[in-house]
Amino acid sequence: MSKTDIEEIKQIIGKTYELPTLPIITAQIMELTSNPETSAQDISEIISVDQALTTKVLRLANSAYYGFPQQIGTITHALVILGFEEIRNLVFTTSVIHTFSSNENSETFNHKEFWEHSLGCALAAKTIAKALRYRISGKVFIAGLIHDIGKIILDQYMHNLFVQIVKKTQQDNISIYQAEKEIMGITHAEIGAELAKNWNLPKDIEEAINFHHTPKKATIDPQLTAIIHLSDILSRMKSIGYGGDNKIPTVCPSVWKTLKLLKSDLNKTYILYFVSLFDDELKKTQNFFKIIDYQ
């Protein structure tokens, strides 16, 4: 790689103002749902300003995934039935995917399959967090959904370089993470963390993105990072979507030690237990995957 290429990469990471911004409505929803004094009406008024977003949220709320016998006709009704956290996840999912939507077909990187993998990771994280009674489970879905967002940044902003990375994974039979380190010296995890910082997301989510391949480096909330690390692996084990390579990483030993604080008898054999729980969740979410608008 030339000196020019390296400088260009540094500019992408350093000049965060050039990265996509989180839609204003989504940022407002994130803030409102974090405030215990927020009412359903407050959130409804914000979402209802965007008719397209309103339609998508109601469509998801009425999907077979939730299985409510009566039609949910308003955002306020959806908030009462589903709760603030679920609505926030729906808004965040539709907004982020739309922010990075592309009508261009890439021969090297399928965006639809990428988002399927990312959504799979988010659902796996939610499943694990529930099983372990993780105290701030609301963050795991968001962290899981955008854990690999740096790949999209590379594909859209440095497409030719990203093509080289993907080709190297295929030629050398290695992971994208390893190919990135060899070609660029930095990874999608670092780039994704910069985007999270640019979006003013909580520091623990930023950390989870940054260290989801190296969870033992986490210091702010090692448990969140450990859950995202494990969820990424579960999504790969179940072949949900495609993250750019077919590698299934080995679970970092530090993860079991970290999560043991949540469940004292936890050990590496629990991976099969989590797979079983995730299987059950996937049976409920097939329709959810189908109605997410990936374009």
C-alpha atoms as a PDB file:
ATOM      1  CA  MET A   1       0.000   0.000   0.000  1.00  0.00           C
ATOM      2  CA  SER A   2       1.263   3.440  -0.899  1.00  0.00           C
ATOM      3  CA  LYS A   3       1.714   6.350   1.479  1.00  0.00           C
ATOM      4  CA  THR A   4      -1.162   8.080  -0.319  1.00  0.00           C
ATOM      5  CA  ASP A   5      -3.523   5.187   0.442  1.00  0.00           C
ATOM      6  CA  ILE A   6      -2.580   5.216   4.119  1.00  0.00           C
ATOM      7  CA  GLU A   7      -3.171   8.962   4.363  1.00  0.00           C
ATOM      8  CA  GLU A   8      -6.542   8.602   2.671  1.00  0.00           C
ATOM      9  CA  ILE A   9      -7.598   5.996   5.221  1.00  0.00           C
ATOM     10  CA  LYS A  10      -6.493   8.219   8.068  1.00  0.00           C
ATOM     11  CA  GLN A  11      -8.561  11.055   6.626  1.00  0.00           C
ATOM     12  CA  ILE A  12     -11.698   8.901   6.616  1.00  0.00           C
ATOM     13  CA  ILE A  13     -11.185   8.023  10.257  1.00  0.00           C
ATOM     14  CA  GLY A  14      -9.978  11.425  11.363  1.00  0.00           C
ATOM     15  CA  LYS A  15     -12.456  13.622   9.528  1.00  0.00           C
ATOM     16  CA  THR A  16     -15.594  12.312  11.173  1.00  0.00           C
ATOM     17  CA  TYR A  17     -17.606  15.173   9.736  1.00  0.00           C
ATOM     18  CA  GLU A  18     -17.350  13.447   6.358  1.00  0.00           C
ATOM     19  CA  LEU A  19     -19.089  10.350   7.676  1.00  0.00           C
ATOM     20  CA  PRO A  20     -22.875   9.986   7.368  1.00  0.00           C
ATOM     21  CA  THR A  21     -24.836  11.590  10.191  1.00  0.00           C
ATOM     22  CA  LEU A  22     -27.545   9.854  12.166  1.00  0.00           C
ATOM     23  CA  PRO A  23     -30.943  11.096  10.914  1.00  0.00           C
ATOM     24  CA  ILE A  24     -32.258  13.898  13.144  1.00  0.00           C
ATOM     25  CA  ILE A  25     -35.477  12.062  13.993  1.00  0.00           C
ATOM     26  CA  THR A  26     -33.561   8.932  14.952  1.00  0.00           C
ATOM     27  CA  ALA A  27     -31.196  10.931  17.158  1.00  0.00           C
ATOM     28  CA  GLN A  28     -34.199  12.535  18.849  1.00  0.00           C
ATOM     29  CA  ILE A  29     -35.832   9.157  19.431  1.00  0.00           C
ATOM     30  CA  MET A  30     -32.601   7.805  20.917  1.00  0.00           C
ATOM     31  CA  GLU A  31     -32.497  10.718  23.326  1.00  0.00           C
ATOM     32  CA  LEU A  32     -36.182  10.607  24.247  1.00  0.00           C
ATOM     33  CA  THR A  33     -36.246   6.872  24.920  1.00  0.00           C
ATOM     34  CA  SER A  34     -33.334   7.305  27.320  1.00  0.00           C
ATOM     35  CA  ASN A  35     -35.311   9.830  29.376  1.00  0.00           C
ATOM     36  CA  PRO A  36     -37.598   8.211  32.006  1.00  0.00           C
ATOM     37  CA  GLU A  37     -39.891  11.261  31.910  1.00  0.00           C
ATOM     38  CA  THR A  38     -40.660  10.824  28.199  1.00  0.00           C
ATOM     39  CA  SER A  39     -44.266   9.958  27.342  1.00  0.00           C
ATOM     40  CA  ALA A  40     -45.619   7.856  24.477  1.00  0.00           C
ATOM     41  CA  GLN A  41     -47.138  11.016  23.068  1.00  0.00           C
ATOM     42  CA  ASP A  42     -43.724  12.744  22.998  1.00  0.00           C
ATOM     43  CA  ILE A  43     -42.238   9.971  20.878  1.00  0.00           C
ATOM     44  CA  SER A  44     -45.332   9.598  18.714  1.00  0.00           C
ATOM     45  CA  GLU A  45     -45.214  13.272  17.757  1.00  0.00           C
ATOM     46  CA  ILE A  46     -41.587  12.970  16.624  1.00  0.00           C
ATOM     47  CA  ILE A  47     -42.033   9.783  14.564  1.00  0.00           C
ATOM     48  CA  SER A  48     -45.293  10.974  12.987  1.00  0.00           C
ATOM     49  CA  VAL A  49     -43.468  13.882  11.349  1.00  0.00           C
ATOM     50  CA  ASP A  50     -41.843  11.370   8.996  1.00  0.00           C
ATOM     51  CA  GLN A  51     -44.604   9.567   7.128  1.00  0.00           C
ATOM     52  CA  ALA A  52     -42.264   7.019   5.539  1.00  0.00           C
ATOM     53  CA  LEU A  53     -40.792   6.113   8.927  1.00  0.00           C
ATOM     54  CA  THR A  54     -44.263   5.921  10.466  1.00  0.00           C
ATOM     55  CA  THR A  55     -45.363   3.491   7.762  1.00  0.00           C
ATOM     56  CA  LYS A  56     -42.308   1.272   8.245  1.00  0.00           C
ATOM     57  CA  VAL A  57     -42.643   1.171  12.039  1.00  0.00           C
ATOM     58  CA  LEU A  58     -46.351   0.289  11.852  1.00  0.00           C
ATOM     59  CA  ARG A  59     -45.640  -2.351   9.226  1.00  0.00           C
ATOM     60  CA  LEU A  60     -43.048  -3.958  11.476  1.00  0.00           C
ATOM     61  CA  ALA A  61     -45.263  -3.637  14.550  1.00  0.00           C
ATOM     62  CA  ASN A  62     -48.045  -5.490  12.707  1.00  0.00           C
ATOM     63  CA  SER A  63     -45.760  -8.234  11.421  1.00  0.00           C
ATOM     64  CA  ALA A  64     -46.096 -11.874  12.382  1.00  0.00           C
ATOM     65  CA  TYR A  65     -42.990 -11.443  14.531  1.00  0.00           C
ATOM     66  CA  TYR A  66     -45.033  -9.747  17.236  1.00  0.00           C
ATOM     67  CA  GLY A  67     -48.229 -11.648  16.530  1.00  0.00           C
ATOM     68  CA  PHE A  68     -50.778  -9.256  17.997  1.00  0.00           C
ATOM     69  CA  PRO A  69     -54.387 -10.281  17.191  1.00  0.00           C
ATOM     70  CA  GLN A  70     -55.556  -6.689  16.673  1.00  0.00           C
ATOM     71  CA  GLN A  71     -54.246  -4.212  14.134  1.00  0.00           C
ATOM     72  CA  ILE A  72     -51.910  -1.548  15.531  1.00  0.00           C
ATOM     73  CA  GLY A  73     -53.036   1.625  13.783  1.00  0.00           C
ATOM     74  CA  THR A  74     -51.047   4.418  15.414  1.00  0.00           C
ATOM     75  CA  ILE A  75     -47.536   5.032  16.687  1.00  0.00           C
ATOM     76  CA  THR A  76     -48.925   5.780  20.148  1.00  0.00           C
ATOM     77  CA  HIS A  77     -50.679   2.406  20.186  1.00  0.00           C
ATOM     78  CA  ALA A  78     -47.473   0.708  19.030  1.00  0.00           C
ATOM     79  CA  LEU A  79     -45.538   2.396  21.830  1.00  0.00           C
ATOM     80  CA  VAL A  80     -48.031   1.244  24.457  1.00  0.00           C
ATOM     81  CA  ILE A  81     -48.081  -2.332  23.152  1.00  0.00           C
ATOM     82  CA  LEU A  82     -44.415  -2.806  22.234  1.00  0.00           C
ATOM     83  CA  GLY A  83     -42.682  -0.405  24.617  1.00  0.00           C
ATOM     84  CA  PHE A  84     -40.148   2.363  24.086  1.00  0.00           C
ATOM     85  CA  GLU A  85     -37.156   0.048  23.676  1.00  0.00           C
ATOM     86  CA  GLU A  86     -38.698  -2.028  20.898  1.00  0.00           C
ATOM     87  CA  ILE A  87     -39.865   1.045  18.984  1.00  0.00           C
ATOM     88  CA  ARG A  88     -36.424   2.606  19.344  1.00  0.00           C
ATOM     89  CA  ASN A  89     -34.858  -0.545  17.884  1.00  0.00           C
ATOM     90  CA  LEU A  90     -37.278  -0.496  14.952  1.00  0.00           C
ATOM     91  CA  VAL A  91     -36.618   3.183  14.246  1.00  0.00           C
ATOM     92  CA  PHE A  92     -32.869   2.738  14.543  1.00  0.00           C
ATOM     93  CA  THR A  93     -32.856  -0.313  12.267  1.00  0.00           C
ATOM     94  CA  THR A  94     -34.890   1.263   9.468  1.00  0.00           C
ATOM     95  CA  SER A  95     -33.022   4.588   9.703  1.00  0.00           C
ATOM     96  CA  VAL A  96     -29.513   3.145   9.687  1.00  0.00           C
ATOM     97  CA  ILE A  97     -30.191   0.763   6.809  1.00  0.00           C
ATOM     98  CA  HIS A  98     -31.760   3.628   4.838  1.00  0.00           C
ATOM     99  CA  THR A  99     -28.760   5.873   5.581  1.00  0.00           C
ATOM    100  CA  PHE A 100     -26.449   3.345   3.933  1.00  0.00           C
ATOM    101  CA  SER A 101     -28.851   2.119   1.267  1.00  0.00           C
ATOM    102  CA  SER A 102     -27.486   1.681  -2.204  1.00  0.00           C
ATOM    103  CA  ASN A 103     -29.098   0.762  -5.485  1.00  0.00           C
ATOM    104  CA  GLU A 104     -25.775  -0.320  -6.912  1.00  0.00           C
ATOM    105  CA  ASN A 105     -25.104  -4.037  -7.097  1.00  0.00           C
ATOM    106  CA  SER A 106     -21.644  -4.916  -5.856  1.00  0.00           C
ATOM    107  CA  GLU A 107     -20.037  -8.067  -7.172  1.00  0.00           C
ATOM    108  CA  THR A 108     -17.810  -8.277  -4.127  1.00  0.00           C
ATOM    109  CA  PHE A 109     -20.114  -7.292  -1.260  1.00  0.00           C
ATOM    110  CA  ASN A 110     -23.866  -7.886  -1.039  1.00  0.00           C
ATOM    111  CA  HIS A 111     -25.425  -5.192   1.159  1.00  0.00           C
ATOM    112  CA  LYS A 112     -28.681  -7.081   1.716  1.00  0.00           C
ATOM    113  CA  GLU A 113     -26.805 -10.113   3.040  1.00  0.00           C
ATOM    114  CA  PHE A 114     -24.595  -7.817   5.113  1.00  0.00           C
ATOM    115  CA  TRP A 115     -27.620  -6.293   6.853  1.00  0.00           C
ATOM    116  CA  GLU A 116     -29.122  -9.734   7.377  1.00  0.00           C
ATOM    117  CA  HIS A 117     -25.941 -10.768   9.191  1.00  0.00           C
ATOM    118  CA  SER A 118     -25.990  -7.544  11.205  1.00  0.00           C
ATOM    119  CA  LEU A 119     -29.645  -7.962  12.144  1.00  0.00           C
ATOM    120  CA  GLY A 120     -28.916 -11.579  13.058  1.00  0.00           C
ATOM    121  CA  CYS A 121     -26.177 -10.394  15.390  1.00  0.00           C
ATOM    122  CA  ALA A 122     -28.551  -7.851  16.954  1.00  0.00           C
ATOM    123  CA  LEU A 123     -31.179 -10.512  17.596  1.00  0.00           C
ATOM    124  CA  ALA A 124     -28.571 -12.925  18.965  1.00  0.00           C
ATOM    125  CA  ALA A 125     -27.302 -10.206  21.304  1.00  0.00           C
ATOM    126  CA  LYS A 126     -30.829  -9.540  22.504  1.00  0.00           C
ATOM    127  CA  THR A 127     -31.326 -13.274  23.118  1.00  0.00           C
ATOM    128  CA  ILE A 128     -28.090 -13.672  25.086  1.00  0.00           C
ATOM    129  CA  ALA A 129     -28.703 -10.513  27.118  1.00  0.00           C
ATOM    130  CA  LYS A 130     -32.131 -11.787  28.134  1.00  0.00           C
ATOM    131  CA  ALA A 131     -30.771 -15.199  29.092  1.00  0.00           C
ATOM    132  CA  LEU A 132     -28.031 -13.639  31.229  1.00  0.00           C
ATOM    133  CA  ARG A 133     -30.268 -10.873  32.616  1.00  0.00           C
ATOM    134  CA  TYR A 134     -27.786  -8.291  31.477  1.00  0.00           C
ATOM    135  CA  ARG A 135     -28.677  -5.055  33.268  1.00  0.00           C
ATOM    136  CA  ILE A 136     -28.741  -2.685  30.282  1.00  0.00           C
ATOM    137  CA  SER A 137     -30.023  -5.005  27.581  1.00  0.00           C
ATOM    138  CA  GLY A 138     -31.438  -2.094  25.569  1.00  0.00           C
ATOM    139  CA  LYS A 139     -27.990  -1.322  24.179  1.00  0.00           C
ATOM    140  CA  VAL A 140     -27.164  -4.770  22.874  1.00  0.00           C
ATOM    141  CA  PHE A 141     -29.508  -4.633  19.881  1.00  0.00           C
ATOM    142  CA  ILE A 142     -28.046  -1.360  18.613  1.00  0.00           C
ATOM    143  CA  ALA A 143     -24.450  -2.463  19.203  1.00  0.00           C
ATOM    144  CA  GLY A 144     -25.140  -5.760  17.453  1.00  0.00           C
ATOM    145  CA  LEU A 145     -26.811  -4.107  14.473  1.00  0.00           C
ATOM    146  CA  ILE A 146     -23.880  -1.772  13.740  1.00  0.00           C
ATOM    147  CA  HIS A 147     -20.958  -3.876  14.978  1.00  0.00           C
ATOM    148  CA  ASP A 148     -19.704  -4.265  11.374  1.00  0.00           C
ATOM    149  CA  ILE A 149     -20.756  -0.835  10.078  1.00  0.00           C
ATOM    150  CA  GLY A 150     -17.118  -0.034   9.225  1.00  0.00           C
ATOM    151  CA  LYS A 151     -17.344  -2.461   6.312  1.00  0.00           C
ATOM    152  CA  ILE A 152     -20.093  -0.386   4.725  1.00  0.00           C
ATOM    153  CA  ILE A 153     -18.018   2.761   5.266  1.00  0.00           C
ATOM    154  CA  LEU A 154     -15.082   1.156   3.476  1.00  0.00           C
ATOM    155  CA  ASP A 155     -17.235  -0.162   0.655  1.00  0.00           C
ATOM    156  CA  GLN A 156     -18.930   3.183   0.003  1.00  0.00           C
ATOM    157  CA  TYR A 157     -16.027   5.565   0.639  1.00  0.00           C
ATOM    158  CA  MET A 158     -13.032   3.476  -0.441  1.00  0.00           C
ATOM    159  CA  HIS A 159     -14.620   0.933  -2.734  1.00  0.00           C
ATOM    160  CA  ASN A 160     -11.523  -0.028  -4.754  1.00  0.00           C
ATOM    161  CA  LEU A 161      -9.526  -0.674  -1.599  1.00  0.00           C
ATOM    162  CA  PHE A 162     -12.371  -2.685  -0.100  1.00  0.00           C
ATOM    163  CA  VAL A 163     -12.516  -4.816  -3.239  1.00  0.00           C
ATOM    164  CA  GLN A 164      -8.835  -5.640  -2.669  1.00  0.00           C
ATOM    165  CA  ILE A 165      -9.617  -6.641   0.915  1.00  0.00           C
ATOM    166  CA  VAL A 166     -12.509  -8.915  -0.060  1.00  0.00           C
ATOM    167  CA  LYS A 167     -10.436 -10.546  -2.805  1.00  0.00           C
ATOM    168  CA  LYS A 168      -7.618 -11.183  -0.345  1.00  0.00           C
ATOM    169  CA  THR A 169     -10.011 -12.940   2.036  1.00  0.00           C
ATOM    170  CA  GLN A 170     -10.992 -15.263  -0.793  1.00  0.00           C
ATOM    171  CA  GLN A 171      -7.517 -15.828  -2.187  1.00  0.00           C
ATOM    172  CA  ASP A 172      -5.801 -16.381   1.173  1.00  0.00           C
ATOM    173  CA  ASN A 173      -8.818 -17.973   2.901  1.00  0.00           C
ATOM    174  CA  ILE A 174      -8.684 -15.516   5.794  1.00  0.00           C
ATOM    175  CA  SER A 175     -11.185 -13.252   7.539  1.00  0.00           C
ATOM    176  CA  ILE A 176     -11.938  -9.710   6.426  1.00  0.00           C
ATOM    177  CA  TYR A 177     -10.599  -8.541   9.782  1.00  0.00           C
ATOM    178  CA  GLN A 178      -7.231 -10.185   9.088  1.00  0.00           C
ATOM    179  CA  ALA A 179      -7.137  -8.945   5.482  1.00  0.00           C
ATOM    180  CA  GLU A 180      -7.829  -5.391   6.661  1.00  0.00           C
ATOM    181  CA  LYS A 181      -4.958  -5.543   9.129  1.00  0.00           C
ATOM    182  CA  GLU A 182      -2.575  -6.844   6.472  1.00  0.00           C
ATOM    183  CA  ILE A 183      -3.616  -4.373   3.766  1.00  0.00           C
ATOM    184  CA  MET A 184      -4.490  -1.250   5.774  1.00  0.00           C
ATOM    185  CA  GLY A 185      -3.158  -1.718   9.274  1.00  0.00           C
ATOM    186  CA  ILE A 186      -6.577  -0.754  10.629  1.00  0.00           C
ATOM    187  CA  THR A 187      -9.924  -2.546  10.627  1.00  0.00           C
ATOM    188  CA  HIS A 188     -13.636  -2.041  10.109  1.00  0.00           C
ATOM    189  CA  ALA A 189     -14.011  -2.237  13.895  1.00  0.00           C
ATOM    190  CA  GLU A 190     -11.966   0.938  14.399  1.00  0.00           C
ATOM    191  CA  ILE A 191     -13.748   2.738  11.581  1.00  0.00           C
ATOM    192  CA  GLY A 192     -17.136   1.690  12.946  1.00  0.00           C
ATOM    193  CA  ALA A 193     -16.196   2.982  16.388  1.00  0.00           C
ATOM    194  CA  GLU A 194     -15.433   6.372  14.855  1.00  0.00           C
ATOM    195  CA  LEU A 195     -18.866   6.451  13.273  1.00  0.00           C
ATOM    196  CA  ALA A 196     -20.463   5.618  16.632  1.00  0.00           C
ATOM    197  CA  LYS A 197     -18.522   8.505  18.160  1.00  0.00           C
ATOM    198  CA  ASN A 198     -19.667  10.778  15.336  1.00  0.00           C
ATOM    199  CA  TRP A 199     -23.263   9.784  16.085  1.00  0.00           C
ATOM    200  CA  ASN A 200     -22.794  10.528  19.806  1.00  0.00           C
ATOM    201  CA  LEU A 201     -23.737   6.990  20.738  1.00  0.00           C
ATOM    202  CA  PRO A 202     -22.886   5.856  24.286  1.00  0.00           C
ATOM    203  CA  LYS A 203     -19.212   5.118  24.904  1.00  0.00           C
ATOM    204  CA  ASP A 204     -19.915   1.483  25.781  1.00  0.00           C
ATOM    205  CA  ILE A 205     -21.547   0.909  22.379  1.00  0.00           C
ATOM    206  CA  GLU A 206     -18.576   2.581  20.692  1.00  0.00           C
ATOM    207  CA  GLU A 207     -16.256   0.284  22.665  1.00  0.00           C
ATOM    208  CA  ALA A 208     -18.262  -2.834  21.798  1.00  0.00           C
ATOM    209  CA  ILE A 209     -17.944  -2.026  18.088  1.00  0.00           C
ATOM    210  CA  ASN A 210     -14.233  -1.280  18.405  1.00  0.00           C
ATOM    211  CA  PHE A 211     -13.380  -4.476  20.275  1.00  0.00           C
ATOM    212  CA  HIS A 212     -15.954  -7.012  19.106  1.00  0.00           C
ATOM    213  CA  HIS A 213     -13.062  -9.060  17.660  1.00  0.00           C
ATOM    214  CA  THR A 214     -10.799  -8.444  20.671  1.00  0.00           C
ATOM    215  CA  PRO A 215     -13.186  -8.354  23.670  1.00  0.00           C
ATOM    216  CA  LYS A 216     -10.465  -8.632  26.310  1.00  0.00           C
ATOM    217  CA  LYS A 217      -9.467  -5.031  25.486  1.00  0.00           C
ATOM    218  CA  ALA A 218     -12.803  -3.629  26.673  1.00  0.00           C
ATOM    219  CA  THR A 219     -12.691  -1.575  29.877  1.00  0.00           C
ATOM    220  CA  ILE A 220     -15.882   0.538  29.928  1.00  0.00           C
ATOM    221  CA  ASP A 221     -18.345  -2.359  29.785  1.00  0.00           C
ATOM    222  CA  PRO A 222     -16.593  -5.662  29.062  1.00  0.00           C
ATOM    223  CA  GLN A 223     -19.901  -7.525  29.383  1.00  0.00           C
ATOM    224  CA  LEU A 224     -21.520  -5.617  26.506  1.00  0.00           C
ATOM    225  CA  THR A 225     -18.477  -6.187  24.292  1.00  0.00           C
ATOM    226  CA  ALA A 226     -18.406  -9.873  25.251  1.00  0.00           C
ATOM    227  CA  ILE A 227     -22.068 -10.273  24.295  1.00  0.00           C
ATOM    228  CA  ILE A 228     -21.517  -8.649  20.888  1.00  0.00           C
ATOM    229  CA  HIS A 229     -18.431 -10.815  20.283  1.00  0.00           C
ATOM    230  CA  LEU A 230     -20.440 -13.933  21.057  1.00  0.00           C
ATOM    231  CA  SER A 231     -23.464 -12.761  19.066  1.00  0.00           C
ATOM    232  CA  ASP A 232     -21.375 -12.152  15.958  1.00  0.00           C
ATOM    233  CA  ILE A 233     -20.146 -15.728  16.200  1.00  0.00           C
ATOM    234  CA  LEU A 234     -23.678 -17.095  16.692  1.00  0.00           C
ATOM    235  CA  SER A 235     -24.919 -15.226  13.619  1.00  0.00           C
ATOM    236  CA  ARG A 236     -22.054 -16.727  11.625  1.00  0.00           C
ATOM    237  CA  MET A 237     -22.669 -20.214  13.012  1.00  0.00           C
ATOM    238  CA  LYS A 238     -26.270 -20.037  11.810  1.00  0.00           C
ATOM    239  CA  SER A 239     -25.153 -18.639   8.400  1.00  0.00           C
ATOM    240  CA  ILE A 240     -27.406 -15.613   8.693  1.00  0.00           C
ATOM    241  CA  GLY A 241     -26.616 -13.263   5.855  1.00  0.00           C
ATOM    242  CA  TYR A 242     -22.999 -12.709   4.933  1.00  0.00           C
ATOM    243  CA  GLY A 243     -20.425 -10.539   6.654  1.00  0.00           C
ATOM    244  CA  GLY A 244     -17.847 -10.694   3.860  1.00  0.00           C
ATOM    245  CA  ASP A 245     -16.180 -14.006   4.701  1.00  0.00           C
ATOM    246  CA  ASN A 246     -17.190 -17.492   5.823  1.00  0.00           C
ATOM    247  CA  LYS A 247     -14.939 -17.660   8.866  1.00  0.00           C
ATOM    248  CA  ILE A 248     -16.412 -18.592  12.246  1.00  0.00           C
ATOM    249  CA  PRO A 249     -14.027 -17.213  14.895  1.00  0.00           C
ATOM    250  CA  THR A 250     -13.237 -19.102  18.063  1.00  0.00           C
ATOM    251  CA  VAL A 251     -14.863 -17.565  21.130  1.00  0.00           C
ATOM    252  CA  CYS A 252     -12.277 -15.532  23.017  1.00  0.00           C
ATOM    253  CA  PRO A 253     -11.673 -17.264  26.415  1.00  0.00           C
ATOM    254  CA  SER A 254     -11.984 -13.899  28.185  1.00  0.00           C
ATOM    255  CA  VAL A 255     -15.663 -13.787  27.172  1.00  0.00           C
ATOM    256  CA  TRP A 256     -16.625 -16.689  29.417  1.00  0.00           C
ATOM    257  CA  LYS A 257     -14.750 -15.176  32.325  1.00  0.00           C
ATOM    258  CA  THR A 258     -16.395 -11.793  31.789  1.00  0.00           C
ATOM    259  CA  LEU A 259     -19.923 -13.148  31.427  1.00  0.00           C
ATOM    260  CA  LYS A 260     -19.471 -15.506  34.374  1.00  0.00           C
ATOM    261  CA  LEU A 261     -20.149 -12.452  36.536  1.00  0.00           C
ATOM    262  CA  LEU A 262     -23.703 -12.552  35.199  1.00  0.00           C
ATOM    263  CA  LYS A 263     -24.121 -16.322  35.536  1.00  0.00           C
ATOM    264  CA  SER A 264     -21.815 -18.081  37.964  1.00  0.00           C
ATOM    265  CA  ASP A 265     -21.887 -21.529  36.317  1.00  0.00           C
ATOM    266  CA  LEU A 266     -21.209 -20.182  32.818  1.00  0.00           C
ATOM    267  CA  ASN A 267     -18.554 -21.967  30.746  1.00  0.00           C
ATOM    268  CA  LYS A 268     -17.744 -22.621  27.096  1.00  0.00           C
ATOM    269  CA  THR A 269     -20.302 -25.449  26.865  1.00  0.00           C
ATOM    270  CA  TYR A 270     -23.012 -22.793  27.112  1.00  0.00           C
ATOM    271  CA  ILE A 271     -22.435 -21.970  23.452  1.00  0.00           C
ATOM    272  CA  LEU A 272     -24.812 -24.839  22.611  1.00  0.00           C
ATOM    273  CA  TYR A 273     -27.403 -23.435  25.012  1.00  0.00           C
ATOM    274  CA  PHE A 274     -27.194 -20.020  23.357  1.00  0.00           C
ATOM    275  CA  VAL A 275     -27.461 -21.628  19.903  1.00  0.00           C
ATOM    276  CA  SER A 276     -30.655 -23.357  21.023  1.00  0.00           C
ATOM    277  CA  LEU A 277     -32.143 -20.118  22.358  1.00  0.00           C
ATOM    278  CA  PHE A 278     -31.163 -18.323  19.180  1.00  0.00           C
ATOM    279  CA  ASP A 279     -32.801 -21.038  17.067  1.00  0.00           C
ATOM    280  CA  ASP A 280     -36.061 -20.413  18.907  1.00  0.00           C
ATOM    281  CA  GLU A 281     -35.741 -16.662  18.327  1.00  0.00           C
ATOM    282  CA  LEU A 282     -35.035 -17.169  14.623  1.00  0.00           C
ATOM    283  CA  LYS A 283     -38.204 -19.209  14.189  1.00  0.00           C
ATOM    284  CA  LYS A 284     -40.145 -16.155  15.339  1.00  0.00           C
ATOM    285  CA  THR A 285     -38.191 -13.639  13.291  1.00  0.00           C
ATOM    286  CA  GLN A 286     -38.302 -15.049   9.765  1.00  0.00           C
ATOM    287  CA  ASN A 287     -41.054 -12.630   8.734  1.00  0.00           C
ATOM    288  CA  PHE A 288     -39.183  -9.798  10.437  1.00  0.00           C
ATOM    289  CA  PHE A 289     -36.186 -10.401   8.157  1.00  0.00           C
ATOM    290  CA  LYS A 290     -38.420 -10.461   5.089  1.00  0.00           C
ATOM    291  CA  ILE A 291     -40.091  -7.085   5.637  1.00  0.00           C
ATOM    292  CA  ILE A 292     -36.982  -5.074   6.517  1.00  0.00           C
ATOM    293  CA  ASP A 293     -36.347  -2.732   3.596  1.00  0.00           C
ATOM    294  CA  TYR A 294     -32.690  -3.229   2.678  1.00  0.00           C
ATOM    295  CA  GLN A 295     -32.682  -0.707  -0.168  1.00  0.00           C
END
